[in-house]
Amino acid sequence: MKFTYRQIAKMIDHSLLNPILTDRELERGCQVALDYDVASVCIMPYALKRCAETLKGSTVRASTTIGFPHGGHTTAVKLAEVRQALEDGGEELDMVVNISKVLSQDWTYVESELKAMIDLTHSAGQKVKVIFENAYLKDDHKIRLCQICGGLGADWVKTSTGYAPGGATIDDLKLMREYSPSHVQVKAAGGVRDLDKLLEVRALGVTRVGASRTAEMLDECKRRLGLKLSTTGA
């Protein structure tokens, strides 16, 4: 499989969502993302404004989470989070479905909530990733969510938060790609920890992965391509 460094780097959303990361570690994480020129930094909401300022003028997008990690916030609270994220410079918002409502098969609630968040984000010219949290769901739930997200024009469907019992699986990624329309991309989160795994999911049609081991993966990518390694480190 042939690839360029940029093709691989621009698949990575550098994840800075661990709740024990300090301000200094978050700022260093943003610098790592800049040095490796990844797709985005997905950072804790309180740090998004500073992140967006740090990334300004680069090709790395500022992103954060909505309703993270359990999805049980009220719709009003999720929308308030969306507004704040957009005000703080968020360009891609990773929003968690209401898992309880999905399991209850209250599809009217699920669709209404997603529509409100997607419409608000798109009205500001920014993008949405919808997190399913597949570890808790059956295939029928995942398929229905893909159909709903396709109808609402979500930009990505995403496997997981990384904080459930399981993350991205090959079977789930195949299913999500099969049941999502072509205009909806697929993001894998949780379990993509090395370059070989990233290349494996890329071959399935995945366009983004959430990663905390960004430097290790992209250093390996550079080694395989015969490129000079970064001096930043992880």
C-alpha atoms as a PDB file:
ATOM      1  CA  MET A   1       0.000   0.000   0.000  1.00  0.00           C
ATOM      2  CA  LYS A   2       1.522   3.319  -1.058  1.00  0.00           C
ATOM      3  CA  PHE A   3       1.058   6.442   1.037  1.00  0.00           C
ATOM      4  CA  THR A   4       2.640   9.797   1.723  1.00  0.00           C
ATOM      5  CA  TYR A   5       3.486  11.269   5.097  1.00  0.00           C
ATOM      6  CA  ARG A   6       0.809  13.936   4.687  1.00  0.00           C
ATOM      7  CA  GLN A   7      -1.874  11.364   3.879  1.00  0.00           C
ATOM      8  CA  ILE A   8      -1.161   9.552   7.139  1.00  0.00           C
ATOM      9  CA  ALA A   9      -0.631  12.627   9.328  1.00  0.00           C
ATOM     10  CA  LYS A  10      -3.895  14.153   8.136  1.00  0.00           C
ATOM     11  CA  MET A  11      -5.751  11.063   9.345  1.00  0.00           C
ATOM     12  CA  ILE A  12      -4.844  11.729  12.974  1.00  0.00           C
ATOM     13  CA  ASP A  13      -6.848  13.633  15.551  1.00  0.00           C
ATOM     14  CA  HIS A  14      -4.294  14.069  18.337  1.00  0.00           C
ATOM     15  CA  SER A  15      -6.231  13.241  21.503  1.00  0.00           C
ATOM     16  CA  LEU A  16      -5.716  15.368  24.614  1.00  0.00           C
ATOM     17  CA  LEU A  17      -8.757  14.213  26.580  1.00  0.00           C
ATOM     18  CA  ASN A  18      -7.219  12.416  29.554  1.00  0.00           C
ATOM     19  CA  PRO A  19      -8.677  14.283  32.571  1.00  0.00           C
ATOM     20  CA  ILE A  20      -5.385  14.285  34.469  1.00  0.00           C
ATOM     21  CA  LEU A  21      -3.403  16.166  31.804  1.00  0.00           C
ATOM     22  CA  THR A  22      -2.034  19.444  33.178  1.00  0.00           C
ATOM     23  CA  ASP A  23      -2.128  22.806  31.415  1.00  0.00           C
ATOM     24  CA  ARG A  24       1.545  22.366  30.550  1.00  0.00           C
ATOM     25  CA  GLU A  25       0.944  18.898  29.105  1.00  0.00           C
ATOM     26  CA  LEU A  26      -1.980  20.178  27.039  1.00  0.00           C
ATOM     27  CA  GLU A  27       0.133  22.983  25.595  1.00  0.00           C
ATOM     28  CA  ARG A  28       2.941  20.554  24.814  1.00  0.00           C
ATOM     29  CA  GLY A  29       0.395  18.264  23.128  1.00  0.00           C
ATOM     30  CA  CYS A  30      -0.713  21.102  20.877  1.00  0.00           C
ATOM     31  CA  GLN A  31       2.900  21.719  19.920  1.00  0.00           C
ATOM     32  CA  VAL A  32       3.383  18.037  19.085  1.00  0.00           C
ATOM     33  CA  ALA A  33       0.326  18.236  16.819  1.00  0.00           C
ATOM     34  CA  LEU A  34       1.799  21.277  15.077  1.00  0.00           C
ATOM     35  CA  ASP A  35       5.231  19.713  14.683  1.00  0.00           C
ATOM     36  CA  TYR A  36       3.763  16.590  13.092  1.00  0.00           C
ATOM     37  CA  ASP A  37       1.111  18.549  11.128  1.00  0.00           C
ATOM     38  CA  VAL A  38      -1.793  16.251  12.019  1.00  0.00           C
ATOM     39  CA  ALA A  39      -5.452  16.768  11.108  1.00  0.00           C
ATOM     40  CA  SER A  40      -6.633  18.155  14.438  1.00  0.00           C
ATOM     41  CA  VAL A  41      -6.167  18.400  18.173  1.00  0.00           C
ATOM     42  CA  CYS A  42      -9.133  17.083  20.155  1.00  0.00           C
ATOM     43  CA  ILE A  43      -8.789  18.733  23.544  1.00  0.00           C
ATOM     44  CA  MET A  44     -10.794  19.102  26.754  1.00  0.00           C
ATOM     45  CA  PRO A  45     -13.409  21.859  26.342  1.00  0.00           C
ATOM     46  CA  TYR A  46     -11.925  24.252  28.901  1.00  0.00           C
ATOM     47  CA  ALA A  47      -8.644  24.301  26.975  1.00  0.00           C
ATOM     48  CA  LEU A  48     -10.128  24.750  23.513  1.00  0.00           C
ATOM     49  CA  LYS A  49      -9.752  28.530  23.302  1.00  0.00           C
ATOM     50  CA  ARG A  50      -6.058  28.403  24.109  1.00  0.00           C
ATOM     51  CA  CYS A  51      -5.657  25.459  21.719  1.00  0.00           C
ATOM     52  CA  ALA A  52      -7.322  27.367  18.872  1.00  0.00           C
ATOM     53  CA  GLU A  53      -5.049  30.349  19.481  1.00  0.00           C
ATOM     54  CA  THR A  54      -1.981  28.075  19.400  1.00  0.00           C
ATOM     55  CA  LEU A  55      -3.074  26.409  16.151  1.00  0.00           C
ATOM     56  CA  LYS A  56      -4.103  29.621  14.389  1.00  0.00           C
ATOM     57  CA  GLY A  57      -2.471  29.988  10.989  1.00  0.00           C
ATOM     58  CA  SER A  58      -1.633  26.278  10.747  1.00  0.00           C
ATOM     59  CA  THR A  59      -3.383  23.458   8.905  1.00  0.00           C
ATOM     60  CA  VAL A  60      -4.163  21.687  12.208  1.00  0.00           C
ATOM     61  CA  ARG A  61      -7.779  22.132  13.243  1.00  0.00           C
ATOM     62  CA  ALA A  62      -8.997  22.792  16.781  1.00  0.00           C
ATOM     63  CA  SER A  63     -11.571  20.319  18.046  1.00  0.00           C
ATOM     64  CA  THR A  64     -13.275  19.321  21.274  1.00  0.00           C
ATOM     65  CA  THR A  65     -15.997  17.110  22.674  1.00  0.00           C
ATOM     66  CA  ILE A  66     -19.706  17.593  23.352  1.00  0.00           C
ATOM     67  CA  GLY A  67     -21.620  15.506  25.910  1.00  0.00           C
ATOM     68  CA  PHE A  68     -18.422  13.616  26.652  1.00  0.00           C
ATOM     69  CA  PRO A  69     -17.958  10.839  27.597  1.00  0.00           C
ATOM     70  CA  HIS A  70     -21.368   9.388  28.477  1.00  0.00           C
ATOM     71  CA  GLY A  71     -23.772  11.360  26.288  1.00  0.00           C
ATOM     72  CA  GLY A  72     -26.372  11.745  29.028  1.00  0.00           C
ATOM     73  CA  HIS A  73     -26.420  15.544  29.187  1.00  0.00           C
ATOM     74  CA  THR A  74     -29.693  17.244  28.356  1.00  0.00           C
ATOM     75  CA  THR A  75     -30.011  18.545  24.828  1.00  0.00           C
ATOM     76  CA  ALA A  76     -29.980  22.104  26.175  1.00  0.00           C
ATOM     77  CA  VAL A  77     -26.648  21.501  27.899  1.00  0.00           C
ATOM     78  CA  LYS A  78     -25.164  19.891  24.793  1.00  0.00           C
ATOM     79  CA  LEU A  79     -26.258  22.854  22.685  1.00  0.00           C
ATOM     80  CA  ALA A  80     -24.714  25.229  25.223  1.00  0.00           C
ATOM     81  CA  GLU A  81     -21.484  23.259  24.884  1.00  0.00           C
ATOM     82  CA  VAL A  82     -21.683  23.555  21.103  1.00  0.00           C
ATOM     83  CA  ARG A  83     -22.155  27.332  21.286  1.00  0.00           C
ATOM     84  CA  GLN A  84     -19.240  27.722  23.690  1.00  0.00           C
ATOM     85  CA  ALA A  85     -17.004  25.500  21.561  1.00  0.00           C
ATOM     86  CA  LEU A  86     -17.798  27.489  18.435  1.00  0.00           C
ATOM     87  CA  GLU A  87     -17.163  30.754  20.280  1.00  0.00           C
ATOM     88  CA  ASP A  88     -13.817  29.386  21.500  1.00  0.00           C
ATOM     89  CA  GLY A  89     -12.670  28.525  17.982  1.00  0.00           C
ATOM     90  CA  GLY A  90     -13.765  24.908  17.634  1.00  0.00           C
ATOM     91  CA  GLU A  91     -13.688  23.700  14.031  1.00  0.00           C
ATOM     92  CA  GLU A  92     -14.629  20.047  14.545  1.00  0.00           C
ATOM     93  CA  LEU A  93     -16.914  18.894  17.351  1.00  0.00           C
ATOM     94  CA  ASP A  94     -17.010  15.266  18.520  1.00  0.00           C
ATOM     95  CA  MET A  95     -20.457  14.778  20.069  1.00  0.00           C
ATOM     96  CA  VAL A  96     -21.678  11.731  21.980  1.00  0.00           C
ATOM     97  CA  VAL A  97     -25.150  10.365  21.286  1.00  0.00           C
ATOM     98  CA  ASN A  98     -27.475   9.804  24.226  1.00  0.00           C
ATOM     99  CA  ILE A  99     -26.543   6.153  24.716  1.00  0.00           C
ATOM    100  CA  SER A 100     -29.500   5.458  26.978  1.00  0.00           C
ATOM    101  CA  LYS A 101     -31.920   6.770  24.367  1.00  0.00           C
ATOM    102  CA  VAL A 102     -30.237   4.698  21.650  1.00  0.00           C
ATOM    103  CA  LEU A 103     -30.580   1.541  23.757  1.00  0.00           C
ATOM    104  CA  SER A 104     -34.187   2.518  24.483  1.00  0.00           C
ATOM    105  CA  GLN A 105     -34.684   2.880  20.722  1.00  0.00           C
ATOM    106  CA  ASP A 106     -36.173   6.330  21.195  1.00  0.00           C
ATOM    107  CA  TRP A 107     -35.091   7.296  17.712  1.00  0.00           C
ATOM    108  CA  THR A 108     -37.202  10.450  17.633  1.00  0.00           C
ATOM    109  CA  TYR A 109     -35.261  11.822  20.612  1.00  0.00           C
ATOM    110  CA  VAL A 110     -31.904  10.718  19.208  1.00  0.00           C
ATOM    111  CA  GLU A 111     -32.537  12.234  15.790  1.00  0.00           C
ATOM    112  CA  SER A 112     -33.960  15.464  17.170  1.00  0.00           C
ATOM    113  CA  GLU A 113     -30.991  16.018  19.464  1.00  0.00           C
ATOM    114  CA  LEU A 114     -28.431  15.232  16.771  1.00  0.00           C
ATOM    115  CA  LYS A 115     -30.212  17.469  14.277  1.00  0.00           C
ATOM    116  CA  ALA A 116     -30.124  20.421  16.668  1.00  0.00           C
ATOM    117  CA  MET A 117     -26.386  20.003  17.327  1.00  0.00           C
ATOM    118  CA  ILE A 118     -25.423  19.306  13.712  1.00  0.00           C
ATOM    119  CA  ASP A 119     -27.474  22.209  12.366  1.00  0.00           C
ATOM    120  CA  LEU A 120     -25.995  24.633  14.895  1.00  0.00           C
ATOM    121  CA  THR A 121     -22.439  23.526  14.110  1.00  0.00           C
ATOM    122  CA  HIS A 122     -22.942  23.603  10.357  1.00  0.00           C
ATOM    123  CA  SER A 123     -24.542  27.039  10.544  1.00  0.00           C
ATOM    124  CA  ALA A 124     -21.176  28.268  11.851  1.00  0.00           C
ATOM    125  CA  GLY A 125     -19.346  26.561   8.981  1.00  0.00           C
ATOM    126  CA  GLN A 126     -17.784  23.885  11.193  1.00  0.00           C
ATOM    127  CA  LYS A 127     -17.885  20.078  11.214  1.00  0.00           C
ATOM    128  CA  VAL A 128     -19.389  17.313  13.327  1.00  0.00           C
ATOM    129  CA  LYS A 129     -18.308  13.828  14.361  1.00  0.00           C
ATOM    130  CA  VAL A 130     -21.035  11.725  16.004  1.00  0.00           C
ATOM    131  CA  ILE A 131     -19.741   9.258  18.607  1.00  0.00           C
ATOM    132  CA  PHE A 132     -21.789   6.043  18.904  1.00  0.00           C
ATOM    133  CA  GLU A 133     -19.947   4.235  21.760  1.00  0.00           C
ATOM    134  CA  ASN A 134     -20.264   0.877  20.004  1.00  0.00           C
ATOM    135  CA  ALA A 135     -19.132  -1.224  22.971  1.00  0.00           C
ATOM    136  CA  TYR A 136     -22.619  -0.811  24.439  1.00  0.00           C
ATOM    137  CA  LEU A 137     -24.622  -1.231  21.230  1.00  0.00           C
ATOM    138  CA  LYS A 138     -25.929  -4.012  19.011  1.00  0.00           C
ATOM    139  CA  ASP A 139     -25.429  -3.951  15.263  1.00  0.00           C
ATOM    140  CA  ASP A 140     -29.047  -2.872  14.731  1.00  0.00           C
ATOM    141  CA  HIS A 141     -28.398   0.239  16.857  1.00  0.00           C
ATOM    142  CA  LYS A 142     -25.223   1.070  14.931  1.00  0.00           C
ATOM    143  CA  ILE A 143     -26.928   0.645  11.570  1.00  0.00           C
ATOM    144  CA  ARG A 144     -29.812   2.898  12.569  1.00  0.00           C
ATOM    145  CA  LEU A 145     -27.405   5.548  13.833  1.00  0.00           C
ATOM    146  CA  CYS A 146     -25.484   5.448  10.541  1.00  0.00           C
ATOM    147  CA  GLN A 147     -28.757   5.976   8.681  1.00  0.00           C
ATOM    148  CA  ILE A 148     -29.792   8.858  10.944  1.00  0.00           C
ATOM    149  CA  CYS A 149     -26.387  10.542  10.702  1.00  0.00           C
ATOM    150  CA  GLY A 150     -26.426  10.152   6.942  1.00  0.00           C
ATOM    151  CA  GLY A 151     -29.821  11.785   6.699  1.00  0.00           C
ATOM    152  CA  LEU A 152     -28.753  14.676   8.921  1.00  0.00           C
ATOM    153  CA  GLY A 153     -25.527  15.313   7.044  1.00  0.00           C
ATOM    154  CA  ALA A 154     -23.047  14.489   9.813  1.00  0.00           C
ATOM    155  CA  ASP A 155     -19.468  14.810   8.616  1.00  0.00           C
ATOM    156  CA  TRP A 156     -18.188  11.691  10.417  1.00  0.00           C
ATOM    157  CA  VAL A 157     -19.522   8.768  12.394  1.00  0.00           C
ATOM    158  CA  LYS A 158     -17.138   7.706  15.148  1.00  0.00           C
ATOM    159  CA  THR A 159     -16.842   4.375  16.933  1.00  0.00           C
ATOM    160  CA  SER A 160     -16.188   5.360  20.506  1.00  0.00           C
ATOM    161  CA  THR A 161     -14.940   7.777  23.119  1.00  0.00           C
ATOM    162  CA  GLY A 162     -11.989   5.676  24.216  1.00  0.00           C
ATOM    163  CA  TYR A 163     -13.442   5.526  27.735  1.00  0.00           C
ATOM    164  CA  ALA A 164     -15.807   2.551  27.327  1.00  0.00           C
ATOM    165  CA  PRO A 165     -14.856  -1.135  27.779  1.00  0.00           C
ATOM    166  CA  GLY A 166     -13.909  -1.356  24.093  1.00  0.00           C
ATOM    167  CA  GLY A 167     -12.902   0.881  21.215  1.00  0.00           C
ATOM    168  CA  ALA A 168     -12.783   0.559  17.449  1.00  0.00           C
ATOM    169  CA  THR A 169     -13.073  -2.951  16.015  1.00  0.00           C
ATOM    170  CA  ILE A 170     -12.596  -4.058  12.440  1.00  0.00           C
ATOM    171  CA  ASP A 171     -16.137  -5.461  12.290  1.00  0.00           C
ATOM    172  CA  ASP A 172     -17.630  -2.179  13.510  1.00  0.00           C
ATOM    173  CA  LEU A 173     -15.610  -0.125  11.054  1.00  0.00           C
ATOM    174  CA  LYS A 174     -16.708  -2.320   8.165  1.00  0.00           C
ATOM    175  CA  LEU A 175     -20.335  -2.038   9.285  1.00  0.00           C
ATOM    176  CA  MET A 176     -20.181   1.747   9.705  1.00  0.00           C
ATOM    177  CA  ARG A 177     -18.601   2.217   6.297  1.00  0.00           C
ATOM    178  CA  GLU A 178     -21.169  -0.089   4.675  1.00  0.00           C
ATOM    179  CA  TYR A 179     -24.216   1.591   6.183  1.00  0.00           C
ATOM    180  CA  SER A 180     -23.048   5.211   5.998  1.00  0.00           C
ATOM    181  CA  PRO A 181     -23.612   7.141   2.767  1.00  0.00           C
ATOM    182  CA  SER A 182     -20.513   8.191   0.850  1.00  0.00           C
ATOM    183  CA  HIS A 183     -20.685  11.791   2.122  1.00  0.00           C
ATOM    184  CA  VAL A 184     -20.267  10.615   5.729  1.00  0.00           C
ATOM    185  CA  GLN A 185     -16.713   9.702   6.760  1.00  0.00           C
ATOM    186  CA  VAL A 186     -15.739   7.161   9.420  1.00  0.00           C
ATOM    187  CA  LYS A 187     -13.483   7.790  12.422  1.00  0.00           C
ATOM    188  CA  ALA A 188     -11.902   5.049  14.549  1.00  0.00           C
ATOM    189  CA  ALA A 189     -11.212   5.819  18.189  1.00  0.00           C
ATOM    190  CA  GLY A 190      -9.736   3.539  20.820  1.00  0.00           C
ATOM    191  CA  GLY A 191      -7.341   0.786  19.812  1.00  0.00           C
ATOM    192  CA  VAL A 192      -5.368   2.399  16.977  1.00  0.00           C
ATOM    193  CA  ARG A 193      -1.993   2.481  18.683  1.00  0.00           C
ATOM    194  CA  ASP A 194       0.542   1.894  15.918  1.00  0.00           C
ATOM    195  CA  LEU A 195       1.090   2.597  12.250  1.00  0.00           C
ATOM    196  CA  ASP A 196       0.193  -0.912  11.087  1.00  0.00           C
ATOM    197  CA  LYS A 197      -3.223  -0.657  12.740  1.00  0.00           C
ATOM    198  CA  LEU A 198      -3.757   2.774  11.233  1.00  0.00           C
ATOM    199  CA  LEU A 199      -2.943   1.421   7.786  1.00  0.00           C
ATOM    200  CA  GLU A 200      -5.287  -1.507   8.368  1.00  0.00           C
ATOM    201  CA  VAL A 201      -8.260   0.731   9.174  1.00  0.00           C
ATOM    202  CA  ARG A 202      -7.324   3.108   6.354  1.00  0.00           C
ATOM    203  CA  ALA A 203      -7.733   0.212   3.928  1.00  0.00           C
ATOM    204  CA  LEU A 204     -11.329  -0.157   5.170  1.00  0.00           C
ATOM    205  CA  GLY A 205     -12.167   3.436   4.247  1.00  0.00           C
ATOM    206  CA  VAL A 206     -11.511   5.082   7.623  1.00  0.00           C
ATOM    207  CA  THR A 207     -10.380   8.693   7.155  1.00  0.00           C
ATOM    208  CA  ARG A 208      -9.656   9.715  10.758  1.00  0.00           C
ATOM    209  CA  VAL A 209      -8.352   8.046  13.880  1.00  0.00           C
ATOM    210  CA  GLY A 210      -8.181   9.343  17.417  1.00  0.00           C
ATOM    211  CA  ALA A 211      -4.675   8.809  18.789  1.00  0.00           C
ATOM    212  CA  SER A 212      -2.582   9.689  21.796  1.00  0.00           C
ATOM    213  CA  ARG A 213       0.527   7.929  20.434  1.00  0.00           C
ATOM    214  CA  THR A 214       0.766  10.324  17.535  1.00  0.00           C
ATOM    215  CA  ALA A 215       4.500  10.929  17.672  1.00  0.00           C
ATOM    216  CA  GLU A 216       5.347   7.229  17.785  1.00  0.00           C
ATOM    217  CA  MET A 217       3.088   6.421  14.831  1.00  0.00           C
ATOM    218  CA  LEU A 218       4.277   9.279  12.685  1.00  0.00           C
ATOM    219  CA  ASP A 219       7.942   8.706  13.507  1.00  0.00           C
ATOM    220  CA  GLU A 220       7.460   5.144  12.270  1.00  0.00           C
ATOM    221  CA  CYS A 221       5.758   6.507   9.160  1.00  0.00           C
ATOM    222  CA  LYS A 222       8.774   8.744   8.516  1.00  0.00           C
ATOM    223  CA  ARG A 223      11.180   5.854   9.049  1.00  0.00           C
ATOM    224  CA  ARG A 224       9.358   3.723   6.478  1.00  0.00           C
ATOM    225  CA  LEU A 225       9.347   6.590   3.994  1.00  0.00           C
ATOM    226  CA  GLY A 226      12.985   7.458   4.642  1.00  0.00           C
ATOM    227  CA  LEU A 227      12.166  10.917   6.013  1.00  0.00           C
ATOM    228  CA  LYS A 228      13.980  12.868   8.720  1.00  0.00           C
ATOM    229  CA  LEU A 229      12.549  12.304  12.203  1.00  0.00           C
ATOM    230  CA  SER A 230      11.117  15.135  14.283  1.00  0.00           C
ATOM    231  CA  THR A 231      13.147  16.384  17.228  1.00  0.00           C
ATOM    232  CA  THR A 232      10.013  17.107  19.295  1.00  0.00           C
ATOM    233  CA  GLY A 233       9.232  13.644  20.610  1.00  0.00           C
ATOM    234  CA  ALA A 234       6.059  12.720  22.470  1.00  0.00           C
END
